[in-house]
Amino acid sequence: MRLTLSISSFKRGAAAVLTAALALGGIYVHSRVVDPQDINSDKSTFFDRKNYDVLFFGTSHVGRTIIPPQLYRDYGITSYNLGTNGQELYLTYYILRDAVRYHKPRLAVLDVYSCRLDYPDEDEATERARFHSIFDNFPLSRNKARAANVLCGSDNKKNELLVPYSVYHNRWKACAFPFRRLWNEHAFSDKNQSSGFQPQFTIAKDVEAYESMRRISPEEYLADEDTDGIAYIRRFVTFCTESGIQPLLVYLPPASGVLQQREANSIRRIAADMQVPYYNFLPDEARIIDSRTDFQNCRIGEENPERDSMDNGNCHLNLSGAQKMTDCLGSILRRDFALPDHRGGRDSAAWEADYEKYRTFIHSKISNINNLDILLMACSFEGLHTTLYTAPGMEFDDVQQRLIDQLEGRIAVIREYDGYARVIVTDERTGSIVADTSF
């Protein structure tokens, strides 16, 4: 009798455990299916067991500009890009605090774009979307709760920020693509293969406003330097210093108007007061990037003298521009900061594997480009040789000629094609064809 009871109890216990496991598994699968996280916001690889010497923080100007795999390949610098679209500086401060719980870097690099803002500066829905785009990557924590508290005071609204499943569980009508992802080799979702970098494959054509934009003197500053944004920059620097992390402030190109130039000038004074290194790249951006080939988009804000302000513009770099800016920043990090070169070191195999994933990812993007200018831009990626076949009398426009010129030594132009153009892109390392596209 006692044995029978024991077997019965065991069966009931096993059934309860199995039921709980199935329920939790179902919730997990459902949460992954309806999660709207896209590949640009995905930072899941940040939590891999690695040691990052440098972490990058900021808005889309960071996310679309700094390429950690390239920094490793060219300089042996191990890094991760935590930049996301619209990441305001109060969010950045709390992201820093959460990030160092997993990886304590030697150097924390903060782009100070939009430091003129007080928070929240957008409508609530926009602010909440920005919160989700970065903090959904991080587990629930006291620090995450503090960040949510800055954004909203209502407990119900805070709960939606802290428990994303409560927001997304009713998204069945919008999940046709995620359902397909459920069964593929990527285990529920595609992952960002670029250590947080968001490569852009477009070329802005309307850059005349940028090229004619007034360039201001170094003595023109923001009318108000007592903003929430600047206060959180100070908190960022203080937290780094107290945590044994070297803070570094930057203002990444391109400039989007006079107001952005004033931001950059103001932070120069503030950085000097805090005795923290600061690099403003706006005055020298013409030496780093080509506005005709390196912009993803270009929207320039116009000055409004009556308000000592301007309509806010916004410009971003494409893959070609990001590669140039990353190389520029990498040389500064190597020259001015005592960062070790990890190439050939004990953990180099893992970093080299990460680079190969990034390389494969970029190749896959290149293979699907069906615009001649954009394909020539993307061929600036390392290790590629381009053969461009054109009709005998074809004339290149200014942008095309610049793109061809920057591929010097890695492109052959053959004028014997019976059509408009054909581009064959070859991986010089393996000899394989990356793209063979006719236009």
Protein backbone atom coordinates (compact mmCIF):
# COMPACT_ATOMS: atom_id res chain seq x y z
CA MET A 1 0.00 0.00 0.00
CA ARG A 2 2.74 2.44 0.96
CA LEU A 3 4.61 1.65 -2.29
CA THR A 4 1.43 2.23 -4.31
CA LEU A 5 0.92 5.60 -2.63
CA SER A 6 4.54 6.58 -3.32
CA ILE A 7 4.20 5.70 -7.02
CA SER A 8 0.92 7.61 -7.22
CA SER A 9 2.44 10.65 -5.50
CA PHE A 10 5.42 10.51 -7.85
CA LYS A 11 3.14 10.42 -10.88
CA ARG A 12 1.13 13.39 -9.61
CA GLY A 13 4.32 15.33 -8.90
CA ALA A 14 5.79 14.48 -12.29
CA ALA A 15 2.54 15.52 -13.99
CA ALA A 16 2.55 18.82 -12.11
CA VAL A 17 6.16 19.51 -13.08
CA LEU A 18 5.47 18.59 -16.72
CA THR A 19 2.37 20.81 -16.80
CA ALA A 20 4.30 23.74 -15.34
CA ALA A 21 7.15 23.19 -17.81
CA LEU A 22 4.74 23.08 -20.74
CA ALA A 23 2.97 26.22 -19.54
CA LEU A 24 6.23 28.13 -19.10
CA GLY A 25 7.49 26.83 -22.42
CA GLY A 26 4.29 27.95 -24.11
CA ILE A 27 4.57 31.42 -22.62
CA TYR A 28 8.20 31.62 -23.73
CA VAL A 29 7.43 30.54 -27.30
CA HIS A 30 4.45 32.90 -27.46
CA SER A 31 6.49 35.80 -26.10
CA ARG A 32 9.14 35.25 -28.75
CA VAL A 33 6.56 35.03 -31.53
CA VAL A 34 4.84 38.31 -30.67
CA ASP A 35 7.97 40.23 -29.64
CA PRO A 36 8.27 43.14 -32.13
CA GLN A 37 12.02 43.50 -31.59
CA ASP A 38 13.78 44.04 -34.91
CA ILE A 39 17.32 43.19 -35.86
CA ASN A 40 18.50 46.80 -35.45
CA SER A 41 17.44 46.90 -31.80
CA ASP A 42 18.61 43.37 -31.00
CA LYS A 43 21.54 43.38 -28.54
CA SER A 44 21.29 39.75 -27.45
CA THR A 45 24.91 38.97 -28.37
CA PHE A 46 26.03 41.55 -25.81
CA PHE A 47 25.33 39.00 -23.10
CA ASP A 48 27.77 36.43 -24.50
CA ARG A 49 30.62 35.60 -22.16
CA LYS A 50 33.18 38.05 -23.45
CA ASN A 51 35.27 40.93 -22.22
CA TYR A 52 34.60 44.18 -24.03
CA ASP A 53 37.31 46.80 -23.60
CA VAL A 54 35.04 49.50 -25.10
CA LEU A 55 31.29 50.06 -24.96
CA PHE A 56 29.62 52.63 -27.23
CA PHE A 57 26.47 54.48 -26.12
CA GLY A 58 24.12 56.88 -27.88
CA THR A 59 21.47 57.35 -30.53
CA SER A 60 21.23 56.05 -34.09
CA HIS A 61 24.30 58.20 -34.81
CA VAL A 62 26.23 55.59 -32.82
CA GLY A 63 24.18 52.56 -33.87
CA ARG A 64 24.66 53.30 -37.58
CA THR A 65 28.26 54.56 -37.40
CA ILE A 66 30.52 52.50 -35.12
CA ILE A 67 31.45 49.00 -36.35
CA PRO A 68 32.89 46.80 -33.56
CA PRO A 69 33.91 43.93 -35.89
CA GLN A 70 35.96 46.37 -37.96
CA LEU A 71 37.62 47.76 -34.83
CA TYR A 72 38.70 44.23 -33.92
CA ARG A 73 39.90 43.36 -37.43
CA ASP A 74 41.96 46.55 -37.90
CA TYR A 75 43.01 47.43 -34.34
CA GLY A 76 42.41 44.39 -32.13
CA ILE A 77 39.93 46.41 -30.04
CA THR A 78 37.11 44.39 -28.46
CA SER A 79 33.90 46.42 -28.26
CA TYR A 80 30.11 46.45 -28.44
CA ASN A 81 27.72 49.05 -29.87
CA LEU A 82 24.78 49.75 -27.55
CA GLY A 83 23.46 52.67 -29.63
CA THR A 84 19.77 52.59 -30.60
CA ASN A 85 17.43 54.88 -32.50
CA GLY A 86 16.33 57.89 -30.45
CA GLN A 87 18.24 56.82 -27.33
CA GLU A 88 17.99 59.93 -25.20
CA LEU A 89 20.68 60.65 -22.66
CA TYR A 90 18.65 59.80 -19.58
CA LEU A 91 18.10 56.33 -21.05
CA THR A 92 21.80 56.08 -21.90
CA TYR A 93 22.75 56.71 -18.29
CA TYR A 94 20.61 53.82 -17.06
CA ILE A 95 21.76 51.58 -19.91
CA LEU A 96 25.34 52.19 -18.76
CA ARG A 97 24.46 51.16 -15.23
CA ASP A 98 22.84 47.93 -16.43
CA ALA A 99 25.52 47.15 -19.02
CA VAL A 100 28.41 47.23 -16.55
CA ARG A 101 26.66 44.56 -14.47
CA TYR A 102 27.51 42.18 -17.31
CA HIS A 103 30.68 43.66 -18.80
CA LYS A 104 32.84 46.30 -17.17
CA PRO A 105 34.76 48.04 -19.98
CA ARG A 106 38.01 49.94 -19.79
CA LEU A 107 36.43 52.74 -21.83
CA ALA A 108 32.81 53.96 -22.13
CA VAL A 109 32.26 56.14 -25.22
CA LEU A 110 29.23 58.45 -25.22
CA ASP A 111 28.00 60.39 -28.24
CA VAL A 112 26.44 63.58 -26.87
CA TYR A 113 24.05 64.27 -29.76
CA SER A 114 20.76 65.90 -28.61
CA CYS A 115 22.25 67.06 -25.28
CA ARG A 116 20.11 70.22 -25.61
CA LEU A 117 16.94 68.27 -24.73
CA ASP A 118 14.88 68.12 -21.57
CA TYR A 119 12.92 64.91 -20.90
CA PRO A 120 10.56 63.70 -21.95
CA ASP A 121 10.73 65.79 -25.12
CA GLU A 122 8.45 63.64 -27.32
CA ASP A 123 4.94 62.29 -27.01
CA GLU A 124 4.56 59.41 -24.58
CA ALA A 125 4.15 56.71 -27.22
CA THR A 126 7.45 57.68 -28.85
CA GLU A 127 9.26 57.76 -25.51
CA ARG A 128 7.91 54.35 -24.55
CA ALA A 129 8.95 52.86 -27.91
CA ARG A 130 12.47 54.18 -27.33
CA PHE A 131 12.53 52.61 -23.88
CA HIS A 132 11.48 49.24 -25.28
CA SER A 133 13.97 49.36 -28.15
CA ILE A 134 16.92 49.19 -25.76
CA PHE A 135 15.68 48.00 -22.37
CA ASP A 136 13.79 44.98 -23.68
CA ASN A 137 17.27 43.54 -24.18
CA PHE A 138 17.99 43.69 -20.44
CA PRO A 139 16.43 41.55 -17.69
CA LEU A 140 14.30 43.16 -15.02
CA SER A 141 16.39 45.00 -12.44
CA ARG A 142 16.15 47.79 -9.90
CA ASN A 143 18.08 50.02 -12.30
CA LYS A 144 15.61 49.31 -15.12
CA ALA A 145 12.78 50.24 -12.75
CA ARG A 146 14.50 53.56 -12.01
CA ALA A 147 14.67 54.31 -15.73
CA ALA A 148 10.98 53.50 -16.13
CA ASN A 149 10.19 55.76 -13.19
CA VAL A 150 11.88 58.70 -14.96
CA LEU A 151 9.65 58.19 -17.98
CA CYS A 152 6.29 57.69 -16.26
CA GLY A 153 4.82 57.79 -12.80
CA SER A 154 1.86 55.45 -13.27
CA ASP A 155 2.45 51.95 -11.87
CA ASN A 156 0.43 50.38 -14.69
CA LYS A 157 2.49 52.14 -17.35
CA LYS A 158 5.72 51.27 -15.58
CA ASN A 159 4.68 47.62 -15.49
CA GLU A 160 4.24 47.67 -19.27
CA LEU A 161 7.78 48.98 -19.65
CA LEU A 162 9.27 46.47 -17.23
CA VAL A 163 7.35 43.39 -18.40
CA PRO A 164 7.24 43.66 -22.21
CA TYR A 165 5.12 40.51 -22.58
CA SER A 166 2.22 42.42 -21.02
CA VAL A 167 2.38 44.80 -23.99
CA TYR A 168 2.96 42.35 -26.83
CA HIS A 169 0.82 39.32 -25.96
CA ASN A 170 -2.12 40.44 -28.13
CA ARG A 171 -0.11 40.94 -31.34
CA TRP A 172 -1.43 37.82 -33.13
CA LYS A 173 -2.61 39.73 -36.21
CA ALA A 174 0.86 41.17 -36.78
CA CYS A 175 2.95 38.05 -36.31
CA ALA A 176 2.92 36.28 -39.68
CA PHE A 177 6.64 36.84 -40.14
CA PRO A 178 7.61 35.96 -36.56
CA PHE A 179 5.64 32.70 -36.89
CA ARG A 180 7.80 31.73 -39.84
CA ARG A 181 10.86 32.56 -37.78
CA LEU A 182 9.68 30.13 -35.09
CA TRP A 183 10.80 27.09 -37.06
CA ASN A 184 13.89 28.30 -38.87
CA GLU A 185 17.56 27.87 -38.10
CA HIS A 186 17.77 31.19 -36.25
CA ALA A 187 15.93 29.86 -33.19
CA PHE A 188 12.96 32.22 -33.04
CA SER A 189 14.52 35.38 -34.42
CA ASP A 190 17.30 36.80 -36.49
CA LYS A 191 20.15 38.23 -34.45
CA ASN A 192 22.22 41.30 -35.03
CA GLN A 193 25.50 39.85 -36.36
CA SER A 194 27.39 43.15 -36.12
CA SER A 195 27.96 43.49 -32.36
CA GLY A 196 25.16 46.05 -32.22
CA PHE A 197 26.08 47.99 -35.38
CA GLN A 198 23.18 48.77 -37.76
CA PRO A 199 24.56 48.85 -41.36
CA GLN A 200 22.66 51.07 -43.79
CA PHE A 201 22.41 50.36 -47.51
CA THR A 202 21.09 53.55 -49.10
CA ILE A 203 22.65 56.72 -50.53
CA ALA A 204 21.15 60.16 -49.89
CA LYS A 205 20.91 62.18 -53.09
CA ASP A 206 19.60 65.48 -51.72
CA VAL A 207 22.74 66.70 -49.93
CA GLU A 208 22.82 70.29 -51.26
CA ALA A 209 21.35 71.69 -48.04
CA TYR A 210 24.10 69.97 -46.07
CA GLU A 211 26.83 71.27 -48.34
CA SER A 212 25.53 74.85 -48.11
CA MET A 213 24.87 74.72 -44.34
CA ARG A 214 26.45 77.53 -42.35
CA ARG A 215 29.50 76.37 -40.42
CA ILE A 216 29.73 78.23 -37.14
CA SER A 217 32.70 79.42 -35.12
CA PRO A 218 33.90 77.45 -32.07
CA GLU A 219 32.57 80.26 -29.85
CA GLU A 220 28.89 79.78 -30.71
CA TYR A 221 27.15 77.81 -27.94
CA LEU A 222 23.72 76.63 -26.91
CA ALA A 223 21.54 79.36 -25.44
CA ASP A 224 20.71 77.00 -22.55
CA GLU A 225 23.35 74.67 -21.15
CA ASP A 226 21.27 73.80 -18.09
CA THR A 227 19.37 70.93 -19.73
CA ASP A 228 18.42 67.43 -18.64
CA GLY A 229 20.62 66.05 -21.40
CA ILE A 230 23.73 67.79 -20.14
CA ALA A 231 22.88 66.84 -16.55
CA TYR A 232 22.80 63.17 -17.56
CA ILE A 233 26.11 63.51 -19.39
CA ARG A 234 27.58 64.67 -16.08
CA ARG A 235 25.97 61.70 -14.31
CA PHE A 236 27.36 59.35 -16.98
CA VAL A 237 30.88 60.71 -16.46
CA THR A 238 30.61 60.59 -12.67
CA PHE A 239 29.36 56.99 -12.67
CA CYS A 240 32.21 55.92 -14.97
CA THR A 241 34.83 57.65 -12.86
CA GLU A 242 33.52 56.17 -9.61
CA SER A 243 33.37 52.71 -11.23
CA GLY A 244 36.97 52.76 -12.49
CA ILE A 245 35.92 53.21 -16.14
CA GLN A 246 37.47 55.84 -18.41
CA PRO A 247 34.67 58.01 -19.91
CA LEU A 248 35.09 59.45 -23.39
CA LEU A 249 32.71 61.96 -24.97
CA VAL A 250 32.36 62.34 -28.73
CA TYR A 251 30.20 64.18 -31.23
CA LEU A 252 29.92 62.02 -34.30
CA PRO A 253 29.31 63.32 -37.82
CA PRO A 254 27.50 64.38 -39.83
CA ALA A 255 26.23 67.72 -38.63
CA SER A 256 22.50 68.17 -39.21
CA GLY A 257 22.39 71.94 -38.77
CA VAL A 258 23.67 74.87 -36.76
CA LEU A 259 22.01 73.68 -33.56
CA GLN A 260 24.01 70.45 -33.60
CA GLN A 261 27.21 72.44 -34.05
CA ARG A 262 26.29 74.53 -31.02
CA GLU A 263 25.72 71.35 -29.01
CA ALA A 264 29.17 70.13 -29.96
CA ASN A 265 30.77 73.45 -28.99
CA SER A 266 29.00 73.58 -25.62
CA ILE A 267 30.13 70.08 -24.68
CA ARG A 268 33.72 71.10 -25.38
CA ARG A 269 33.51 73.57 -22.51
CA ILE A 270 31.63 71.16 -20.27
CA ALA A 271 34.07 68.33 -20.93
CA ALA A 272 36.98 70.62 -20.10
CA ASP A 273 35.27 71.54 -16.83
CA MET A 274 34.81 67.84 -15.96
CA GLN A 275 38.36 67.04 -17.13
CA VAL A 276 37.14 64.28 -19.43
CA PRO A 277 38.45 63.69 -22.98
CA TYR A 278 36.18 64.90 -25.78
CA TYR A 279 36.46 64.61 -29.57
CA ASN A 280 34.23 66.81 -31.72
CA PHE A 281 34.37 65.44 -35.26
CA LEU A 282 32.05 68.00 -36.84
CA PRO A 283 34.69 70.60 -37.80
CA ASP A 284 36.77 67.93 -39.57
CA GLU A 285 34.04 65.77 -41.05
CA ALA A 286 34.74 66.88 -44.63
CA ARG A 287 38.15 65.20 -44.34
CA ILE A 288 36.60 61.97 -43.08
CA ILE A 289 33.47 61.44 -45.17
CA ASP A 290 32.16 62.34 -48.62
CA SER A 291 28.64 63.75 -48.48
CA ARG A 292 27.92 62.53 -52.03
CA THR A 293 28.66 58.86 -51.28
CA ASP A 294 28.53 58.33 -47.51
CA PHE A 295 25.10 59.54 -46.32
CA GLN A 296 22.18 57.19 -45.73
CA ASN A 297 19.80 60.15 -45.42
CA CYS A 298 20.16 63.91 -45.14
CA ARG A 299 17.64 66.21 -43.49
CA ILE A 300 19.01 69.60 -42.49
CA GLY A 301 17.35 71.79 -39.87
CA GLU A 302 16.81 75.47 -40.59
CA GLU A 303 17.75 78.26 -38.23
CA ASN A 304 15.03 80.26 -36.52
CA PRO A 305 16.67 83.48 -35.25
CA GLU A 306 13.55 84.46 -33.31
CA ARG A 307 13.86 81.42 -31.06
CA ASP A 308 17.67 81.10 -31.18
CA SER A 309 16.92 77.59 -32.30
CA MET A 310 16.11 75.66 -35.42
CA ASP A 311 13.94 72.93 -36.84
CA ASN A 312 15.74 69.75 -35.98
CA GLY A 313 17.44 68.01 -38.89
CA ASN A 314 18.92 64.55 -38.88
CA CYS A 315 21.57 62.92 -41.07
CA HIS A 316 23.09 59.45 -40.85
CA LEU A 317 25.94 57.57 -42.49
CA ASN A 318 25.60 54.53 -44.71
CA LEU A 319 27.98 51.54 -44.66
CA SER A 320 30.68 53.39 -46.60
CA GLY A 321 30.61 56.39 -44.27
CA ALA A 322 30.46 54.19 -41.17
CA GLN A 323 33.57 52.32 -42.28
CA LYS A 324 35.48 55.60 -42.72
CA MET A 325 34.35 57.00 -39.38
CA THR A 326 35.08 53.74 -37.55
CA ASP A 327 38.61 53.73 -38.96
CA CYS A 328 39.10 57.33 -37.84
CA LEU A 329 37.87 56.60 -34.33
CA GLY A 330 39.85 53.36 -34.14
CA SER A 331 43.11 55.18 -34.87
CA ILE A 332 42.31 57.65 -32.06
CA LEU A 333 41.51 54.86 -29.59
CA ARG A 334 44.77 53.14 -30.50
CA ARG A 335 46.81 56.35 -30.30
CA ASP A 336 45.35 58.04 -27.22
CA PHE A 337 44.14 55.20 -24.98
CA ALA A 338 46.08 52.23 -23.66
CA LEU A 339 43.82 49.56 -25.13
CA PRO A 340 45.34 46.12 -25.69
CA ASP A 341 45.49 44.47 -29.11
CA HIS A 342 43.61 41.18 -28.74
CA ARG A 343 44.44 39.79 -32.17
CA GLY A 344 46.28 36.52 -31.77
CA GLY A 345 45.52 36.43 -28.04
CA ARG A 346 43.97 33.72 -25.92
CA ASP A 347 40.38 34.55 -26.86
CA SER A 348 41.05 35.66 -30.43
CA ALA A 349 39.28 32.65 -31.97
CA ALA A 350 35.91 33.81 -30.60
CA TRP A 351 36.42 37.36 -31.89
CA GLU A 352 37.53 36.09 -35.29
CA ALA A 353 34.43 33.91 -35.44
CA ASP A 354 32.31 36.98 -34.68
CA TYR A 355 34.01 38.84 -37.51
CA GLU A 356 33.26 35.99 -39.91
CA LYS A 357 29.58 36.12 -38.94
CA TYR A 358 29.58 39.86 -39.63
CA ARG A 359 31.38 39.33 -42.94
CA THR A 360 28.86 36.69 -44.02
CA PHE A 361 26.01 38.99 -43.00
CA ILE A 362 27.33 41.89 -45.11
CA HIS A 363 27.92 39.58 -48.06
CA SER A 364 24.31 38.40 -47.86
CA LYS A 365 23.12 42.01 -47.94
CA ILE A 366 25.33 42.81 -50.94
CA SER A 367 24.00 39.82 -52.86
CA ASN A 368 20.47 41.27 -52.72
CA ILE A 369 21.17 44.88 -53.74
CA ASN A 370 19.46 45.86 -57.00
CA ASN A 371 20.56 49.49 -57.30
CA LEU A 372 23.85 50.23 -59.08
CA ASP A 373 24.95 53.15 -56.90
CA ILE A 374 24.15 51.36 -53.66
CA LEU A 375 25.94 48.22 -54.83
CA LEU A 376 29.06 50.20 -55.70
CA MET A 377 28.87 51.85 -52.26
CA ALA A 378 28.61 48.47 -50.50
CA CYS A 379 31.57 47.15 -52.49
CA SER A 380 33.75 49.36 -50.27
CA PHE A 381 33.51 46.50 -47.76
CA GLU A 382 36.90 44.92 -47.18
CA GLY A 383 38.16 41.95 -49.17
CA LEU A 384 35.94 42.43 -52.23
CA HIS A 385 36.90 42.89 -55.86
CA THR A 386 34.38 44.44 -58.24
CA THR A 387 34.13 44.03 -61.98
CA LEU A 388 31.84 46.61 -63.58
CA TYR A 389 30.71 45.91 -67.12
CA THR A 390 29.06 48.84 -68.91
CA ALA A 391 27.87 49.77 -72.37
CA PRO A 392 30.69 51.34 -74.45
CA GLY A 393 29.24 54.86 -74.36
CA MET A 394 27.93 54.90 -70.82
CA GLU A 395 28.83 58.04 -68.82
CA PHE A 396 29.04 57.94 -65.03
CA ASP A 397 27.39 60.68 -63.01
CA ASP A 398 29.26 62.45 -60.21
CA VAL A 399 28.18 60.02 -57.48
CA GLN A 400 29.02 56.95 -59.53
CA GLN A 401 32.44 58.31 -60.41
CA ARG A 402 33.20 59.03 -56.75
CA LEU A 403 32.10 55.52 -55.78
CA ILE A 404 34.34 54.03 -58.46
CA ASP A 405 37.25 56.24 -57.40
CA GLN A 406 37.05 55.08 -53.77
CA LEU A 407 37.34 51.47 -54.99
CA GLU A 408 40.66 52.24 -56.65
CA GLY A 409 42.73 49.09 -56.94
CA ARG A 410 39.72 46.89 -56.20
CA ILE A 411 37.59 47.54 -59.30
CA ALA A 412 37.89 46.83 -63.00
CA VAL A 413 35.69 48.77 -65.42
CA ILE A 414 35.09 46.95 -68.70
CA ARG A 415 33.15 48.82 -71.40
CA GLU A 416 31.89 45.99 -73.54
CA TYR A 417 28.50 45.10 -72.07
CA ASP A 418 25.44 44.70 -74.28
CA GLY A 419 23.16 46.48 -71.86
CA TYR A 420 23.27 49.18 -69.18
CA ALA A 421 25.56 47.64 -66.56
CA ARG A 422 26.51 44.40 -64.85
CA VAL A 423 28.41 44.08 -61.58
CA ILE A 424 30.25 40.95 -60.44
CA VAL A 425 31.51 41.09 -56.84
CA THR A 426 34.11 38.52 -55.83
CA ASP A 427 35.40 37.56 -52.41
CA GLU A 428 39.17 37.89 -52.84
CA ARG A 429 39.82 35.50 -49.97
CA THR A 430 37.86 32.55 -51.35
CA GLY A 431 37.31 33.48 -55.00
CA SER A 432 33.56 32.94 -54.59
CA ILE A 433 30.97 35.20 -56.23
CA VAL A 434 29.22 37.42 -53.70
CA ALA A 435 26.95 39.12 -56.25
CA ASP A 436 26.34 39.01 -59.99
CA THR A 437 23.75 41.65 -60.77
CA SER A 438 22.63 43.21 -64.03
CA PHE A 439 20.94 46.61 -64.31
